[in-house]
């Protein structure tokens, strides 16, 4: 009897299992059918989104490009009661960038030819804002703290230089994945933005008010060109026309006091647009920290490819090593000698003014001038069948030559395999004459 009961239970179990399995198979088939229907719907939705994405490719490009230049402001979100936060989240450089970007994307920009041109310029602008913040911090710091900040800035710049060097090495060595990631437009800009914002926050702590930007109105306003167009055409080429005005500021410390140089000029183009744009600076204005005008220099006409990334040819250098910064402005492209014709103004502390220096300006017509700070020498380098550099020392208001080095070729017509030999020759200036002191044969030369 028990055996029959067990057999009956087994039969019931088997029948129930078969029923459950069949039910699961049916359920699986139903789910599979439903999944196929939903998958088909998803594919249809994906196709629709792809079509819409294609239709709006320009808009997506514009949006993504704009977003990638937004710095990391996350730590300021939620601090709306902080005046510094509200200012940083709506600062003039970001507003100006978005304005110029929209003009570049719809091909209506009078300032920048491409996104890369725009990005390069704004990297320079953020760097100038960073330097301006450093210069404004000087009056709030004692000497020891100031030296620490200067060292920190030098290390920051070295970090960027080394990083740039690495990226180019990675690129040339074939590690394109590394370089392509790190040399995207705006890569350096983001570093300068973050550092600038950090320095501005330090200023806010000291001054208890929102700090100002140096170039806070770089969307230049339309102004009357007056006779400037005729003056530019008369000095340079008649087919160069003014496209748009420009104003640009650079800050520096003059005897630990903040000074600001403002350049006023124009962007130029050929009337048929066949060449790269040029820039012409017509006026220089110098201000103190309170924006009081110290000096105005008029009657200038420069003509250069140098844009804002190169400060339109402006440089601040202590040319006579008297401890005061002087002003140099590139005038126009030089010739095959590698000369850099420029305007020079040296600071006269007794007169509290920049005085035009004819000597340096004349020397720049035949060479590229630079300084050796350690030896306090002015160097003129030019090209004439090789490079030549002459070193000068200041004697009063005159520059006296001290020594020179340059390339020299000696012909040997009797040696067809090596008809000439190149030497690097060094000479010293003594008793109004050049005296050769060293001659070294060069295995490689230019």
Foldseek 3Di string as FASTA:
>chain_A
DVVVVVVVVVVVVVVVVVVVVVVVVVVVVVVVVVVVVVVVVVVVVVVVVVVVCVVCVLVVVLVVVLVVLPAPLVVLPPVVVDQQSVCLVPAQLSVVLNVQSVCCSVVNDLAAVHPLRSLLLLLLQLLQQLVVLLLVCLVVDDPVVNVVVVVVVVVLVVVVVVVVVVLVVCVVVPVVVSNVVQVPRCNSVNSSNVSSSVSQVVVCVVPVHRDHGPPNPFPDDDDDCPCVQVVQCVVDPVQKGFRGKGKDKGWDAFVSWIKIKIWTWTWIAGPVRPDQIWIWTAKIWMAGPVRDTQDIDGRATAIGNDDSSCPQQWDWDQLQPPRGIWIKHFHYDADQFAATQIWTWHADVVVRDTHTDPVVNVLSNRFHWDADNVVGWIWGWTDDPWIKIWTWHDDPNDTDTFKMWIKDKDADCVDVVDGIWIWIWIWTQDPNDTGTDDIGTDPDGD
